[in-house]
Amino acid sequence: MNCVFIQIRCRPATAYKVADAIALREIHSELYSTSGEYDLLVKMYIPDGEDVGKFINDNLLDIDGIERTLTTLTFRAF
């Protein structure tokens, strides 16, 4: 499994609705509201053999209220 962190910027007044939609899909390991340029931070594990971009597009980015994302791929844990 490949670990990715996704920062999500939501349209104004939609962050809690977006977070609820993510939680209902049960696709995340951890989900936080954050301050700053992005509203939410999601930790996800992408199954081995899956295309990371396609997996994120198919399972996350169709949620209404998401305006922009920034995905950080990880390589190893220490």
PDB file of N, CA and C in Angstrom:
ATOM      1  N   MET A   1       0.847  -1.178   0.000  1.00  0.00           N
ATOM      2  CA  MET A   1       0.000   0.000   0.000  1.00  0.00           C
ATOM      3  C   MET A   1       0.892   1.240   0.000  1.00  0.00           C
ATOM      4  N   ASN A   2       0.507   2.212  -0.795  1.00  0.00           N
ATOM      5  CA  ASN A   2       1.245   3.468  -0.888  1.00  0.00           C
ATOM      6  C   ASN A   2       0.515   4.549  -0.092  1.00  0.00           C
ATOM      7  N   CYS A   3       1.230   5.213   0.795  1.00  0.00           N
ATOM      8  CA  CYS A   3       0.650   6.265   1.621  1.00  0.00           C
ATOM      9  C   CYS A   3       0.758   7.603   0.892  1.00  0.00           C
ATOM     10  N   VAL A   4      -0.355   8.337   0.835  1.00  0.00           N
ATOM     11  CA  VAL A   4      -0.370   9.684   0.279  1.00  0.00           C
ATOM     12  C   VAL A   4      -1.081  10.608   1.250  1.00  0.00           C
ATOM     13  N   PHE A   5      -0.669  11.857   1.228  1.00  0.00           N
ATOM     14  CA  PHE A   5      -1.344  12.902   1.988  1.00  0.00           C
ATOM     15  C   PHE A   5      -1.966  13.858   0.984  1.00  0.00           C
ATOM     16  N   ILE A   6      -3.236  14.192   1.183  1.00  0.00           N
ATOM     17  CA  ILE A   6      -3.934  15.069   0.258  1.00  0.00           C
ATOM     18  C   ILE A   6      -4.481  16.261   1.033  1.00  0.00           C
ATOM     19  N   GLN A   7      -4.025  17.448   0.644  1.00  0.00           N
ATOM     20  CA  GLN A   7      -4.580  18.674   1.207  1.00  0.00           C
ATOM     21  C   GLN A   7      -5.723  19.104   0.304  1.00  0.00           C
ATOM     22  N   ILE A   8      -6.819  19.512   0.913  1.00  0.00           N
ATOM     23  CA  ILE A   8      -8.020  19.852   0.155  1.00  0.00           C
ATOM     24  C   ILE A   8      -8.462  21.273   0.486  1.00  0.00           C
ATOM     25  N   ARG A   9      -8.651  22.062  -0.560  1.00  0.00           N
ATOM     26  CA  ARG A   9      -9.271  23.378  -0.401  1.00  0.00           C
ATOM     27  C   ARG A   9     -10.725  23.227  -0.827  1.00  0.00           C
ATOM     28  N   CYS A  10     -11.621  23.663   0.042  1.00  0.00           N
ATOM     29  CA  CYS A  10     -13.051  23.544  -0.226  1.00  0.00           C
ATOM     30  C   CYS A  10     -13.640  24.899  -0.588  1.00  0.00           C
ATOM     31  N   ARG A  11     -14.738  24.864  -1.324  1.00  0.00           N
ATOM     32  CA  ARG A  11     -15.478  26.103  -1.554  1.00  0.00           C
ATOM     33  C   ARG A  11     -15.923  26.641  -0.192  1.00  0.00           C
ATOM     34  N   PRO A  12     -16.088  27.949  -0.072  1.00  0.00           N
ATOM     35  CA  PRO A  12     -16.501  28.526   1.210  1.00  0.00           C
ATOM     36  C   PRO A  12     -17.752  27.839   1.772  1.00  0.00           C
ATOM     37  N   ALA A  13     -17.709  27.598   3.069  1.00  0.00           N
ATOM     38  CA  ALA A  13     -18.820  27.019   3.835  1.00  0.00           C
ATOM     39  C   ALA A  13     -19.135  25.567   3.485  1.00  0.00           C
ATOM     40  N   THR A  14     -18.184  24.833   2.877  1.00  0.00           N
ATOM     41  CA  THR A  14     -18.450  23.430   2.542  1.00  0.00           C
ATOM     42  C   THR A  14     -17.490  22.445   3.209  1.00  0.00           C
ATOM     43  N   ALA A  15     -16.536  22.916   3.980  1.00  0.00           N
ATOM     44  CA  ALA A  15     -15.501  22.023   4.528  1.00  0.00           C
ATOM     45  C   ALA A  15     -16.088  20.888   5.364  1.00  0.00           C
ATOM     46  N   TYR A  16     -17.065  21.180   6.198  1.00  0.00           N
ATOM     47  CA  TYR A  16     -17.639  20.118   7.031  1.00  0.00           C
ATOM     48  C   TYR A  16     -18.443  19.125   6.196  1.00  0.00           C
ATOM     49  N   LYS A  17     -19.125  19.603   5.169  1.00  0.00           N
ATOM     50  CA  LYS A  17     -19.863  18.699   4.277  1.00  0.00           C
ATOM     51  C   LYS A  17     -18.898  17.802   3.507  1.00  0.00           C
ATOM     52  N   VAL A  18     -17.796  18.383   3.045  1.00  0.00           N
ATOM     53  CA  VAL A  18     -16.783  17.584   2.334  1.00  0.00           C
ATOM     54  C   VAL A  18     -16.189  16.545   3.279  1.00  0.00           C
ATOM     55  N   ALA A  19     -15.853  16.949   4.494  1.00  0.00           N
ATOM     56  CA  ALA A  19     -15.284  16.007   5.474  1.00  0.00           C
ATOM     57  C   ALA A  19     -16.257  14.877   5.774  1.00  0.00           C
ATOM     58  N   ASP A  20     -17.538  15.196   5.924  1.00  0.00           N
ATOM     59  CA  ASP A  20     -18.543  14.154   6.171  1.00  0.00           C
ATOM     60  C   ASP A  20     -18.628  13.184   4.997  1.00  0.00           C
ATOM     61  N   ALA A  21     -18.570  13.702   3.782  1.00  0.00           N
ATOM     62  CA  ALA A  21     -18.640  12.843   2.595  1.00  0.00           C
ATOM     63  C   ALA A  21     -17.430  11.919   2.516  1.00  0.00           C
ATOM     64  N   ILE A  22     -16.250  12.450   2.851  1.00  0.00           N
ATOM     65  CA  ILE A  22     -15.040  11.612   2.861  1.00  0.00           C
ATOM     66  C   ILE A  22     -15.171  10.517   3.913  1.00  0.00           C
ATOM     67  N   ALA A  23     -15.619  10.895   5.105  1.00  0.00           N
ATOM     68  CA  ALA A  23     -15.756   9.926   6.195  1.00  0.00           C
ATOM     69  C   ALA A  23     -16.724   8.803   5.824  1.00  0.00           C
ATOM     70  N   LEU A  24     -17.819   9.141   5.159  1.00  0.00           N
ATOM     71  CA  LEU A  24     -18.804   8.123   4.768  1.00  0.00           C
ATOM     72  C   LEU A  24     -18.253   7.131   3.757  1.00  0.00           C
ATOM     73  N   ARG A  25     -17.304   7.553   2.947  1.00  0.00           N
ATOM     74  CA  ARG A  25     -16.726   6.655   1.932  1.00  0.00           C
ATOM     75  C   ARG A  25     -15.713   5.678   2.515  1.00  0.00           C
ATOM     76  N   GLU A  26     -15.223   5.968   3.719  1.00  0.00           N
ATOM     77  CA  GLU A  26     -14.264   5.084   4.391  1.00  0.00           C
ATOM     78  C   GLU A  26     -13.055   4.775   3.518  1.00  0.00           C
ATOM     79  N   ILE A  27     -12.518   5.799   2.861  1.00  0.00           N
ATOM     80  CA  ILE A  27     -11.353   5.629   1.990  1.00  0.00           C
ATOM     81  C   ILE A  27     -10.085   6.195   2.613  1.00  0.00           C
ATOM     82  N   HIS A  28     -10.201   6.766   3.782  1.00  0.00           N
ATOM     83  CA  HIS A  28      -9.074   7.454   4.408  1.00  0.00           C
ATOM     84  C   HIS A  28      -8.584   6.700   5.638  1.00  0.00           C
ATOM     85  N   SER A  29      -7.350   6.990   6.000  1.00  0.00           N
ATOM     86  CA  SER A  29      -6.788   6.491   7.243  1.00  0.00           C
ATOM     87  C   SER A  29      -6.979   7.523   8.347  1.00  0.00           C
ATOM     88  N   GLU A  30      -6.720   8.787   7.997  1.00  0.00           N
ATOM     89  CA  GLU A  30      -6.896   9.898   8.938  1.00  0.00           C
ATOM     90  C   GLU A  30      -7.432  11.096   8.162  1.00  0.00           C
ATOM     91  N   LEU A  31      -8.201  11.940   8.860  1.00  0.00           N
ATOM     92  CA  LEU A  31      -8.795  13.120   8.240  1.00  0.00           C
ATOM     93  C   LEU A  31      -8.826  14.239   9.274  1.00  0.00           C
ATOM     94  N   TYR A  32      -8.250  15.386   8.907  1.00  0.00           N
ATOM     95  CA  TYR A  32      -8.143  16.524   9.822  1.00  0.00           C
ATOM     96  C   TYR A  32      -8.632  17.795   9.153  1.00  0.00           C
ATOM     97  N   SER A  33      -9.232  18.687   9.932  1.00  0.00           N
ATOM     98  CA  SER A  33      -9.445  20.050   9.461  1.00  0.00           C
ATOM     99  C   SER A  33      -8.173  20.818   9.787  1.00  0.00           C
ATOM    100  N   THR A  34      -7.809  21.751   8.914  1.00  0.00           N
ATOM    101  CA  THR A  34      -6.547  22.468   9.079  1.00  0.00           C
ATOM    102  C   THR A  34      -6.764  23.962   8.869  1.00  0.00           C
ATOM    103  N   SER A  35      -5.786  24.730   9.302  1.00  0.00           N
ATOM    104  CA  SER A  35      -5.805  26.165   9.041  1.00  0.00           C
ATOM    105  C   SER A  35      -4.855  26.453   7.888  1.00  0.00           C
ATOM    106  N   GLY A  36      -4.988  27.630   7.321  1.00  0.00           N
ATOM    107  CA  GLY A  36      -4.081  28.008   6.246  1.00  0.00           C
ATOM    108  C   GLY A  36      -4.741  27.927   4.886  1.00  0.00           C
ATOM    109  N   GLU A  37      -3.920  27.661   3.883  1.00  0.00           N
ATOM    110  CA  GLU A  37      -4.376  27.682   2.495  1.00  0.00           C
ATOM    111  C   GLU A  37      -5.354  26.553   2.166  1.00  0.00           C
ATOM    112  N   TYR A  38      -5.247  25.425   2.874  1.00  0.00           N
ATOM    113  CA  TYR A  38      -6.123  24.278   2.637  1.00  0.00           C
ATOM    114  C   TYR A  38      -6.968  24.030   3.871  1.00  0.00           C
ATOM    115  N   ASP A  39      -8.138  23.429   3.675  1.00  0.00           N
ATOM    116  CA  ASP A  39      -9.110  23.236   4.753  1.00  0.00           C
ATOM    117  C   ASP A  39      -9.054  21.869   5.412  1.00  0.00           C
ATOM    118  N   LEU A  40      -8.669  20.855   4.635  1.00  0.00           N
ATOM    119  CA  LEU A  40      -8.650  19.484   5.139  1.00  0.00           C
ATOM    120  C   LEU A  40      -7.336  18.805   4.759  1.00  0.00           C
ATOM    121  N   LEU A  41      -6.936  17.848   5.579  1.00  0.00           N
ATOM    122  CA  LEU A  41      -5.767  17.019   5.302  1.00  0.00           C
ATOM    123  C   LEU A  41      -6.203  15.565   5.443  1.00  0.00           C
ATOM    124  N   VAL A  42      -6.007  14.806   4.372  1.00  0.00           N
ATOM    125  CA  VAL A  42      -6.420  13.402   4.340  1.00  0.00           C
ATOM    126  C   VAL A  42      -5.190  12.528   4.167  1.00  0.00           C
ATOM    127  N   LYS A  43      -5.093  11.502   4.979  1.00  0.00           N
ATOM    128  CA  LYS A  43      -4.067  10.474   4.807  1.00  0.00           C
ATOM    129  C   LYS A  43      -4.776   9.254   4.228  1.00  0.00           C
ATOM    130  N   MET A  44      -4.295   8.814   3.066  1.00  0.00           N
ATOM    131  CA  MET A  44      -4.897   7.665   2.393  1.00  0.00           C
ATOM    132  C   MET A  44      -3.833   6.642   2.038  1.00  0.00           C
ATOM    133  N   TYR A  45      -4.244   5.397   1.994  1.00  0.00           N
ATOM    134  CA  TYR A  45      -3.384   4.325   1.507  1.00  0.00           C
ATOM    135  C   TYR A  45      -3.950   3.831   0.183  1.00  0.00           C
ATOM    136  N   ILE A  46      -3.130   3.905  -0.855  1.00  0.00           N
ATOM    137  CA  ILE A  46      -3.532   3.469  -2.183  1.00  0.00           C
ATOM    138  C   ILE A  46      -3.104   2.009  -2.344  1.00  0.00           C
ATOM    139  N   PRO A  47      -4.023   1.126  -2.718  1.00  0.00           N
ATOM    140  CA  PRO A  47      -3.655  -0.287  -2.873  1.00  0.00           C
ATOM    141  C   PRO A  47      -2.526  -0.472  -3.891  1.00  0.00           C
ATOM    142  N   ASP A  48      -1.649  -1.439  -3.622  1.00  0.00           N
ATOM    143  CA  ASP A  48      -0.560  -1.758  -4.548  1.00  0.00           C
ATOM    144  C   ASP A  48      -1.141  -2.071  -5.926  1.00  0.00           C
ATOM    145  N   GLY A  49      -0.463  -1.589  -6.948  1.00  0.00           N
ATOM    146  CA  GLY A  49      -0.889  -1.840  -8.310  1.00  0.00           C
ATOM    147  C   GLY A  49      -1.901  -0.844  -8.849  1.00  0.00           C
ATOM    148  N   GLU A  50      -2.472  -0.019  -7.977  1.00  0.00           N
ATOM    149  CA  GLU A  50      -3.436   0.989  -8.416  1.00  0.00           C
ATOM    150  C   GLU A  50      -2.702   2.235  -8.893  1.00  0.00           C
ATOM    151  N   ASP A  51      -3.226   2.874  -9.922  1.00  0.00           N
ATOM    152  CA  ASP A  51      -2.716   4.159 -10.372  1.00  0.00           C
ATOM    153  C   ASP A  51      -3.160   5.211  -9.355  1.00  0.00           C
ATOM    154  N   VAL A  52      -2.197   5.909  -8.748  1.00  0.00           N
ATOM    155  CA  VAL A  52      -2.502   6.848  -7.660  1.00  0.00           C
ATOM    156  C   VAL A  52      -3.472   7.926  -8.126  1.00  0.00           C
ATOM    157  N   GLY A  53      -3.182   8.561  -9.251  1.00  0.00           N
ATOM    158  CA  GLY A  53      -4.038   9.636  -9.730  1.00  0.00           C
ATOM    159  C   GLY A  53      -5.448   9.173 -10.039  1.00  0.00           C
ATOM    160  N   LYS A  54      -5.566   8.036 -10.691  1.00  0.00           N
ATOM    161  CA  LYS A  54      -6.890   7.503 -11.025  1.00  0.00           C
ATOM    162  C   LYS A  54      -7.653   7.123  -9.768  1.00  0.00           C
ATOM    163  N   PHE A  55      -6.977   6.513  -8.804  1.00  0.00           N
ATOM    164  CA  PHE A  55      -7.634   6.118  -7.554  1.00  0.00           C
ATOM    165  C   PHE A  55      -8.184   7.346  -6.835  1.00  0.00           C
ATOM    166  N   ILE A  56      -7.380   8.400  -6.755  1.00  0.00           N
ATOM    167  CA  ILE A  56      -7.825   9.624  -6.088  1.00  0.00           C
ATOM    168  C   ILE A  56      -8.981  10.256  -6.867  1.00  0.00           C
ATOM    169  N   ASN A  57      -8.849  10.332  -8.182  1.00  0.00           N
ATOM    170  CA  ASN A  57      -9.929  10.897  -9.000  1.00  0.00           C
ATOM    171  C   ASN A  57     -11.224  10.116  -8.840  1.00  0.00           C
ATOM    172  N   ASP A  58     -11.150   8.802  -8.890  1.00  0.00           N
ATOM    173  CA  ASP A  58     -12.346   7.961  -8.833  1.00  0.00           C
ATOM    174  C   ASP A  58     -12.990   7.909  -7.460  1.00  0.00           C
ATOM    175  N   ASN A  59     -12.199   8.071  -6.398  1.00  0.00           N
ATOM    176  CA  ASN A  59     -12.719   7.850  -5.048  1.00  0.00           C
ATOM    177  C   ASN A  59     -12.859   9.096  -4.186  1.00  0.00           C
ATOM    178  N   LEU A  60     -12.274  10.212  -4.628  1.00  0.00           N
ATOM    179  CA  LEU A  60     -12.287  11.401  -3.772  1.00  0.00           C
ATOM    180  C   LEU A  60     -12.746  12.657  -4.502  1.00  0.00           C
ATOM    181  N   LEU A  61     -12.229  12.887  -5.680  1.00  0.00           N
ATOM    182  CA  LEU A  61     -12.384  14.201  -6.307  1.00  0.00           C
ATOM    183  C   LEU A  61     -13.757  14.475  -6.903  1.00  0.00           C
ATOM    184  N   ASP A  62     -14.653  13.506  -6.856  1.00  0.00           N
ATOM    185  CA  ASP A  62     -16.014  13.766  -7.316  1.00  0.00           C
ATOM    186  C   ASP A  62     -16.921  14.288  -6.201  1.00  0.00           C
ATOM    187  N   ILE A  63     -16.355  14.523  -5.027  1.00  0.00           N
ATOM    188  CA  ILE A  63     -17.142  15.050  -3.904  1.00  0.00           C
ATOM    189  C   ILE A  63     -17.412  16.530  -4.138  1.00  0.00           C
ATOM    190  N   ASP A  64     -18.678  16.901  -4.056  1.00  0.00           N
ATOM    191  CA  ASP A  64     -19.079  18.284  -4.264  1.00  0.00           C
ATOM    192  C   ASP A  64     -18.490  19.170  -3.167  1.00  0.00           C
ATOM    193  N   GLY A  65     -17.923  20.283  -3.560  1.00  0.00           N
ATOM    194  CA  GLY A  65     -17.351  21.231  -2.609  1.00  0.00           C
ATOM    195  C   GLY A  65     -15.839  21.283  -2.664  1.00  0.00           C
ATOM    196  N   ILE A  66     -15.210  20.279  -3.257  1.00  0.00           N
ATOM    197  CA  ILE A  66     -13.754  20.301  -3.385  1.00  0.00           C
ATOM    198  C   ILE A  66     -13.381  21.252  -4.511  1.00  0.00           C
ATOM    199  N   GLU A  67     -12.550  22.216  -4.165  1.00  0.00           N
ATOM    200  CA  GLU A  67     -12.128  23.233  -5.131  1.00  0.00           C
ATOM    201  C   GLU A  67     -10.750  22.941  -5.709  1.00  0.00           C
ATOM    202  N   ARG A  68      -9.834  22.472  -4.864  1.00  0.00           N
ATOM    203  CA  ARG A  68      -8.447  22.237  -5.278  1.00  0.00           C
ATOM    204  C   ARG A  68      -7.807  21.244  -4.314  1.00  0.00           C
ATOM    205  N   THR A  69      -6.844  20.474  -4.816  1.00  0.00           N
ATOM    206  CA  THR A  69      -6.113  19.547  -3.949  1.00  0.00           C
ATOM    207  C   THR A  69      -4.619  19.646  -4.219  1.00  0.00           C
ATOM    208  N   LEU A  70      -3.859  19.201  -3.233  1.00  0.00           N
ATOM    209  CA  LEU A  70      -2.406  19.086  -3.353  1.00  0.00           C
ATOM    210  C   LEU A  70      -2.039  17.734  -2.758  1.00  0.00           C
ATOM    211  N   THR A  71      -1.529  16.835  -3.594  1.00  0.00           N
ATOM    212  CA  THR A  71      -1.197  15.484  -3.155  1.00  0.00           C
ATOM    213  C   THR A  71       0.294  15.339  -2.961  1.00  0.00           C
ATOM    214  N   THR A  72       0.668  14.769  -1.813  1.00  0.00           N
ATOM    215  CA  THR A  72       2.071  14.482  -1.514  1.00  0.00           C
ATOM    216  C   THR A  72       2.241  12.967  -1.435  1.00  0.00           C
ATOM    217  N   LEU A  73       3.094  12.437  -2.308  1.00  0.00           N
ATOM    218  CA  LEU A  73       3.405  11.011  -2.284  1.00  0.00           C
ATOM    219  C   LEU A  73       4.492  10.747  -1.251  1.00  0.00           C
ATOM    220  N   THR A  74       4.444   9.603  -0.616  1.00  0.00           N
ATOM    221  CA  THR A  74       5.478   9.233   0.343  1.00  0.00           C
ATOM    222  C   THR A  74       6.291   8.062  -0.213  1.00  0.00           C
ATOM    223  N   PHE A  75       7.518   7.933   0.303  1.00  0.00           N
ATOM    224  CA  PHE A  75       8.409   6.880  -0.175  1.00  0.00           C
ATOM    225  C   PHE A  75       8.748   5.851   0.885  1.00  0.00           C
ATOM    226  N   ARG A  76       8.968   6.282   2.110  1.00  0.00           N
ATOM    227  CA  ARG A  76       9.211   5.326   3.188  1.00  0.00           C
ATOM    228  C   ARG A  76       8.994   5.997   4.525  1.00  0.00           C
ATOM    229  N   ALA A  77       8.697   5.211   5.525  1.00  0.00           N
ATOM    230  CA  ALA A  77       8.480   5.707   6.881  1.00  0.00           C
ATOM    231  C   ALA A  77       9.724   5.443   7.720  1.00  0.00           C
ATOM    232  N   PHE A  78       9.967   6.303   8.679  1.00  0.00           N
ATOM    233  CA  PHE A  78      11.134   6.142   9.568  1.00  0.00           C
ATOM    234  C   PHE A  78      10.679   5.925  10.983  1.00  0.00           C
TER     235      PHE A  78
END
